[in-house]
N, C-alpha and C. Protein backbone atom coordinates (compact mmCIF):
# COMPACT_ATOMS: atom_id res chain seq x y z
N MET A 1 55.45 110.18 96.97
CA MET A 1 55.54 110.13 98.38
C MET A 1 54.32 109.33 98.96
N THR A 2 54.63 108.39 99.82
CA THR A 2 53.58 107.56 100.43
C THR A 2 52.69 108.36 101.35
N GLN A 3 51.38 108.18 101.17
CA GLN A 3 50.41 108.81 102.04
C GLN A 3 49.87 107.76 102.94
N HIS A 4 50.19 107.84 104.21
CA HIS A 4 49.73 106.78 105.14
C HIS A 4 48.40 107.10 105.81
N THR A 5 47.59 107.82 105.17
CA THR A 5 46.29 108.14 105.68
C THR A 5 45.37 106.95 105.50
N ASP A 6 44.69 106.53 106.53
CA ASP A 6 43.68 105.49 106.39
C ASP A 6 42.51 106.03 105.61
N LEU A 7 42.21 105.30 104.53
CA LEU A 7 41.16 105.71 103.63
C LEU A 7 39.96 104.80 103.85
N PRO A 8 38.76 105.36 103.79
CA PRO A 8 37.57 104.45 103.77
C PRO A 8 37.55 103.77 102.42
N SER A 9 36.83 102.65 102.40
CA SER A 9 36.81 101.81 101.17
C SER A 9 36.32 102.60 99.98
N ASP A 10 35.40 103.50 100.15
CA ASP A 10 34.83 104.21 98.98
C ASP A 10 35.83 105.18 98.31
N LEU A 11 36.94 105.41 98.94
CA LEU A 11 38.01 106.29 98.32
C LEU A 11 39.07 105.46 97.61
N LEU A 12 39.00 104.17 97.69
CA LEU A 12 39.94 103.26 96.98
C LEU A 12 39.48 103.25 95.48
N PRO A 13 40.44 102.96 94.55
CA PRO A 13 40.06 102.82 93.19
C PRO A 13 38.95 101.76 93.00
N THR A 14 38.06 101.98 92.08
CA THR A 14 36.93 101.09 91.84
C THR A 14 37.41 99.64 91.63
N ILE A 15 38.45 99.46 90.90
CA ILE A 15 38.96 98.12 90.53
C ILE A 15 39.41 97.40 91.84
N VAL A 16 40.03 98.11 92.75
CA VAL A 16 40.46 97.51 94.02
C VAL A 16 39.26 97.11 94.84
N ARG A 17 38.28 98.00 94.94
CA ARG A 17 37.07 97.74 95.71
C ARG A 17 36.34 96.49 95.14
N GLN A 18 36.24 96.46 93.83
CA GLN A 18 35.49 95.36 93.18
C GLN A 18 36.25 94.05 93.38
N PHE A 19 37.57 94.07 93.21
CA PHE A 19 38.35 92.85 93.41
C PHE A 19 38.17 92.33 94.85
N LEU A 20 38.36 93.26 95.80
CA LEU A 20 38.22 92.83 97.25
C LEU A 20 36.88 92.25 97.57
N ALA A 21 35.83 92.88 97.02
CA ALA A 21 34.48 92.35 97.27
C ALA A 21 34.33 90.96 96.77
N ALA A 22 34.78 90.70 95.54
CA ALA A 22 34.66 89.41 94.95
C ALA A 22 35.56 88.39 95.69
N HIS A 23 36.76 88.82 96.05
CA HIS A 23 37.73 87.95 96.73
C HIS A 23 37.18 87.57 98.09
N ILE A 24 36.62 88.52 98.87
CA ILE A 24 36.07 88.22 100.17
C ILE A 24 34.90 87.31 100.05
N ALA A 25 34.12 87.42 98.99
CA ALA A 25 32.92 86.59 98.74
C ALA A 25 33.40 85.24 98.18
N ARG A 26 34.68 85.04 97.97
CA ARG A 26 35.31 83.82 97.42
C ARG A 26 34.75 83.47 96.04
N ASP A 27 34.54 84.56 95.23
CA ASP A 27 34.15 84.45 93.85
C ASP A 27 35.36 84.66 93.01
N ALA A 28 36.10 83.58 92.79
CA ALA A 28 37.39 83.62 92.06
C ALA A 28 37.22 84.06 90.61
N ASP A 29 36.13 83.68 89.97
CA ASP A 29 35.88 84.08 88.56
C ASP A 29 35.76 85.57 88.44
N THR A 30 34.93 86.20 89.29
CA THR A 30 34.78 87.63 89.28
C THR A 30 36.06 88.32 89.69
N ALA A 31 36.67 87.85 90.73
CA ALA A 31 37.93 88.51 91.23
C ALA A 31 39.03 88.49 90.10
N SER A 32 39.13 87.35 89.46
CA SER A 32 40.16 87.25 88.43
C SER A 32 39.88 88.13 87.24
N SER A 33 38.61 88.45 87.00
CA SER A 33 38.30 89.34 85.89
C SER A 33 38.85 90.76 86.04
N PHE A 34 39.29 91.11 87.23
CA PHE A 34 39.90 92.46 87.49
C PHE A 34 41.41 92.45 87.33
N LEU A 35 41.92 91.28 86.98
CA LEU A 35 43.39 91.12 86.81
C LEU A 35 43.80 91.24 85.36
N ALA A 36 44.95 91.81 85.08
CA ALA A 36 45.49 91.83 83.74
C ALA A 36 45.80 90.39 83.29
N GLU A 37 45.83 90.12 82.02
CA GLU A 37 46.11 88.81 81.48
C GLU A 37 47.46 88.27 82.04
N ASP A 38 48.42 89.11 82.18
CA ASP A 38 49.76 88.75 82.65
C ASP A 38 50.01 89.05 84.10
N ALA A 39 48.92 89.20 84.87
CA ALA A 39 49.04 89.60 86.29
C ALA A 39 49.88 88.65 87.09
N VAL A 40 50.44 89.17 88.14
CA VAL A 40 51.29 88.38 89.07
C VAL A 40 50.67 88.58 90.45
N ILE A 41 50.51 87.46 91.17
CA ILE A 41 50.08 87.49 92.57
C ILE A 41 51.15 86.81 93.37
N VAL A 42 51.64 87.50 94.42
CA VAL A 42 52.64 86.93 95.32
C VAL A 42 51.99 86.79 96.69
N ASP A 43 51.94 85.61 97.25
CA ASP A 43 51.28 85.36 98.54
C ASP A 43 52.28 84.59 99.43
N GLN A 44 52.76 85.29 100.44
CA GLN A 44 53.70 84.65 101.38
C GLN A 44 54.83 83.97 100.65
N ASP A 45 55.46 84.73 99.69
CA ASP A 45 56.61 84.34 98.96
C ASP A 45 56.34 83.24 97.91
N GLU A 46 55.15 82.94 97.58
CA GLU A 46 54.81 82.05 96.54
C GLU A 46 54.20 82.94 95.40
N THR A 47 54.67 82.70 94.14
CA THR A 47 54.33 83.54 93.05
C THR A 47 53.46 82.75 92.03
N PHE A 48 52.36 83.45 91.58
CA PHE A 48 51.44 82.92 90.59
C PHE A 48 51.38 83.92 89.43
N ARG A 49 51.57 83.41 88.21
CA ARG A 49 51.65 84.26 87.07
C ARG A 49 50.61 83.89 85.96
N GLY A 50 50.02 84.90 85.42
CA GLY A 50 49.09 84.70 84.27
C GLY A 50 47.67 84.28 84.75
N ARG A 51 46.80 84.23 83.79
CA ARG A 51 45.35 84.00 84.09
C ARG A 51 45.10 82.67 84.80
N GLU A 52 45.66 81.57 84.28
CA GLU A 52 45.34 80.26 84.93
C GLU A 52 45.85 80.15 86.36
N GLU A 53 47.11 80.53 86.57
CA GLU A 53 47.67 80.38 87.91
C GLU A 53 47.06 81.32 88.92
N THR A 54 46.79 82.56 88.50
CA THR A 54 46.16 83.49 89.45
C THR A 54 44.77 83.13 89.80
N GLN A 55 44.03 82.69 88.80
CA GLN A 55 42.63 82.26 89.03
C GLN A 55 42.61 81.00 89.97
N ALA A 56 43.48 80.07 89.73
CA ALA A 56 43.62 78.88 90.64
C ALA A 56 43.95 79.33 92.05
N PHE A 57 44.89 80.23 92.19
CA PHE A 57 45.21 80.76 93.51
C PHE A 57 44.00 81.37 94.18
N LEU A 58 43.26 82.24 93.45
CA LEU A 58 42.09 82.89 94.04
C LEU A 58 41.05 81.90 94.39
N ARG A 59 40.90 80.84 93.65
CA ARG A 59 39.89 79.81 93.92
C ARG A 59 40.25 78.99 95.11
N ASP A 60 41.57 78.62 95.29
CA ASP A 60 41.99 77.67 96.34
C ASP A 60 42.49 78.24 97.61
N ALA A 61 42.95 79.50 97.57
CA ALA A 61 43.63 80.09 98.79
C ALA A 61 42.64 80.13 99.97
N GLY A 62 43.04 79.45 101.00
CA GLY A 62 42.27 79.48 102.24
C GLY A 62 40.96 78.71 102.20
N SER A 63 40.76 77.94 101.14
CA SER A 63 39.47 77.21 100.99
C SER A 63 39.28 76.14 102.05
N GLU A 64 40.31 75.71 102.67
CA GLU A 64 40.18 74.69 103.71
C GLU A 64 39.79 75.26 105.06
N PHE A 65 39.70 76.61 105.15
CA PHE A 65 39.37 77.24 106.43
C PHE A 65 38.12 78.11 106.32
N ALA A 66 37.46 78.25 107.49
CA ALA A 66 36.38 79.27 107.59
C ALA A 66 36.96 80.48 108.25
N TYR A 67 36.68 81.64 107.68
CA TYR A 67 37.25 82.87 108.25
C TYR A 67 36.33 84.05 107.80
N THR A 68 36.53 85.16 108.57
CA THR A 68 35.92 86.43 108.24
C THR A 68 37.02 87.38 107.88
N THR A 69 36.67 88.39 107.07
CA THR A 69 37.61 89.31 106.60
C THR A 69 37.09 90.77 106.87
N LEU A 70 37.97 91.63 107.42
CA LEU A 70 37.57 92.99 107.72
C LEU A 70 38.68 93.94 107.30
N GLN A 71 38.33 94.98 106.50
CA GLN A 71 39.34 95.94 106.13
C GLN A 71 39.58 96.83 107.33
N ILE A 72 40.88 96.91 107.75
CA ILE A 72 41.19 97.74 108.87
C ILE A 72 42.06 98.94 108.56
N GLY A 73 42.48 99.05 107.30
CA GLY A 73 43.32 100.20 106.91
C GLY A 73 43.52 100.21 105.40
N ALA A 74 43.87 101.38 104.85
CA ALA A 74 44.20 101.51 103.47
C ALA A 74 44.93 102.86 103.26
N TYR A 75 45.82 102.82 102.28
CA TYR A 75 46.45 104.07 101.86
C TYR A 75 46.92 103.98 100.43
N ARG A 76 47.12 105.20 99.88
CA ARG A 76 47.60 105.42 98.51
C ARG A 76 49.12 105.60 98.63
N VAL A 77 49.86 104.86 97.86
CA VAL A 77 51.30 105.02 97.70
C VAL A 77 51.57 106.06 96.63
N ASP A 78 50.96 105.90 95.49
CA ASP A 78 51.02 106.83 94.38
C ASP A 78 49.82 106.57 93.51
N ASP A 79 49.77 107.14 92.29
CA ASP A 79 48.56 106.96 91.45
C ASP A 79 48.24 105.52 91.04
N THR A 80 49.25 104.66 91.07
CA THR A 80 49.03 103.29 90.63
C THR A 80 49.31 102.21 91.71
N HIS A 81 49.65 102.64 92.88
CA HIS A 81 49.94 101.70 93.95
C HIS A 81 49.12 102.02 95.19
N TRP A 82 48.48 101.00 95.68
CA TRP A 82 47.57 101.13 96.86
C TRP A 82 47.79 99.98 97.81
N VAL A 83 47.61 100.17 99.10
CA VAL A 83 47.78 99.13 100.07
C VAL A 83 46.49 99.06 100.91
N VAL A 84 45.90 97.88 101.02
CA VAL A 84 44.77 97.66 101.88
C VAL A 84 45.16 96.60 102.92
N THR A 85 44.89 96.94 104.23
CA THR A 85 45.18 95.98 105.26
C THR A 85 43.90 95.38 105.73
N VAL A 86 43.91 94.00 105.77
CA VAL A 86 42.75 93.31 106.21
C VAL A 86 43.07 92.41 107.41
N ARG A 87 42.05 92.18 108.23
CA ARG A 87 42.19 91.29 109.41
C ARG A 87 41.39 90.05 109.12
N LEU A 88 42.00 88.94 109.22
CA LEU A 88 41.30 87.66 109.05
C LEU A 88 41.15 87.00 110.41
N GLU A 89 40.02 86.48 110.70
CA GLU A 89 39.80 85.67 111.91
C GLU A 89 39.07 84.39 111.52
N GLY A 90 39.66 83.27 111.93
CA GLY A 90 39.03 82.00 111.51
C GLY A 90 39.72 80.78 112.10
N THR A 91 39.49 79.66 111.36
CA THR A 91 39.89 78.35 111.81
C THR A 91 41.27 77.93 111.37
N PHE A 92 42.02 78.85 110.79
CA PHE A 92 43.40 78.56 110.32
C PHE A 92 44.33 78.65 111.56
N PRO A 93 45.54 78.12 111.43
CA PRO A 93 46.48 78.09 112.58
C PRO A 93 46.75 79.53 112.99
N GLY A 94 46.66 79.74 114.36
CA GLY A 94 46.84 81.08 114.87
C GLY A 94 45.51 81.89 115.03
N GLY A 95 44.55 81.56 114.18
CA GLY A 95 43.20 82.12 114.33
C GLY A 95 43.04 83.55 113.92
N VAL A 96 44.11 84.39 113.91
CA VAL A 96 44.01 85.78 113.52
C VAL A 96 45.22 86.16 112.71
N ALA A 97 45.02 86.93 111.67
CA ALA A 97 46.12 87.39 110.82
C ALA A 97 45.79 88.78 110.29
N GLU A 98 46.74 89.64 110.18
CA GLU A 98 46.58 90.89 109.54
C GLU A 98 47.48 90.96 108.35
N LEU A 99 46.94 91.17 107.16
CA LEU A 99 47.62 91.09 105.90
C LEU A 99 47.52 92.35 105.14
N ASP A 100 48.62 92.75 104.49
CA ASP A 100 48.61 93.83 103.56
C ASP A 100 48.38 93.30 102.14
N TYR A 101 47.45 93.87 101.43
CA TYR A 101 47.23 93.59 99.99
C TYR A 101 47.79 94.78 99.24
N ARG A 102 48.94 94.57 98.60
CA ARG A 102 49.63 95.66 97.91
C ARG A 102 49.28 95.56 96.40
N PHE A 103 48.56 96.53 95.96
CA PHE A 103 48.06 96.53 94.52
C PHE A 103 48.92 97.42 93.66
N ALA A 104 49.26 96.93 92.46
CA ALA A 104 49.83 97.74 91.41
C ALA A 104 48.88 97.73 90.23
N LEU A 105 48.44 98.88 89.84
CA LEU A 105 47.38 98.99 88.83
C LEU A 105 48.02 99.46 87.49
N GLN A 106 47.45 98.91 86.40
CA GLN A 106 47.87 99.32 85.06
C GLN A 106 46.71 99.19 84.10
N ASP A 107 46.44 100.26 83.37
CA ASP A 107 45.38 100.26 82.39
C ASP A 107 44.05 99.77 82.98
N ASP A 108 43.72 100.28 84.15
CA ASP A 108 42.43 100.01 84.84
C ASP A 108 42.26 98.54 85.20
N LEU A 109 43.38 97.80 85.37
CA LEU A 109 43.32 96.44 85.84
C LEU A 109 44.48 96.29 86.90
N ILE A 110 44.40 95.18 87.61
CA ILE A 110 45.39 94.88 88.65
C ILE A 110 46.53 94.11 87.92
N ALA A 111 47.69 94.74 87.91
CA ALA A 111 48.85 94.10 87.23
C ALA A 111 49.62 93.24 88.26
N GLU A 112 49.61 93.61 89.50
CA GLU A 112 50.32 92.85 90.52
C GLU A 112 49.62 93.00 91.87
N LEU A 113 49.60 91.93 92.59
CA LEU A 113 49.11 91.90 93.96
C LEU A 113 50.05 91.14 94.82
N VAL A 114 50.55 91.75 95.86
CA VAL A 114 51.45 91.18 96.82
C VAL A 114 50.72 91.09 98.13
N ILE A 115 50.56 89.90 98.67
CA ILE A 115 49.91 89.72 99.97
C ILE A 115 50.92 89.29 100.94
N ALA A 116 51.07 90.06 102.03
CA ALA A 116 52.12 89.80 103.00
C ALA A 116 51.60 90.18 104.41
N ASN A 117 52.24 89.60 105.40
CA ASN A 117 51.90 89.93 106.83
C ASN A 117 52.06 91.40 106.99
N HIS A 118 51.12 91.99 107.65
CA HIS A 118 51.22 93.42 108.04
C HIS A 118 52.27 93.56 109.14
N PRO A 119 53.18 94.52 108.98
CA PRO A 119 54.22 94.66 109.97
C PRO A 119 53.57 95.04 111.34
N ALA A 120 54.18 94.46 112.38
CA ALA A 120 53.64 94.72 113.72
C ALA A 120 53.95 96.08 114.25
């Protein structure tokens, strides 16, 4: 059963916190170290598979823009699925976006990450 309780960052799984910290710092090498070898990242309906593609995505995504990131929500779906909502503000078209980062964990690594617009 989905628990829609907003969680503070310190109650998220360590791997999710570490990944987000590295991703927000735009440290693709560290962020990708938290992904399984065969990890899948889906961002706005574009899919990246495996170490090379996911690391390239993490390195290049949003690199042409300046923006800030703020966690505005999080919840546990079940023992292996977590959702973190972030708010981006920056120089990209529209200037503001709220995105859900949907994590699927396996063997203490991120097996899948789906990034999608947060429902209004």
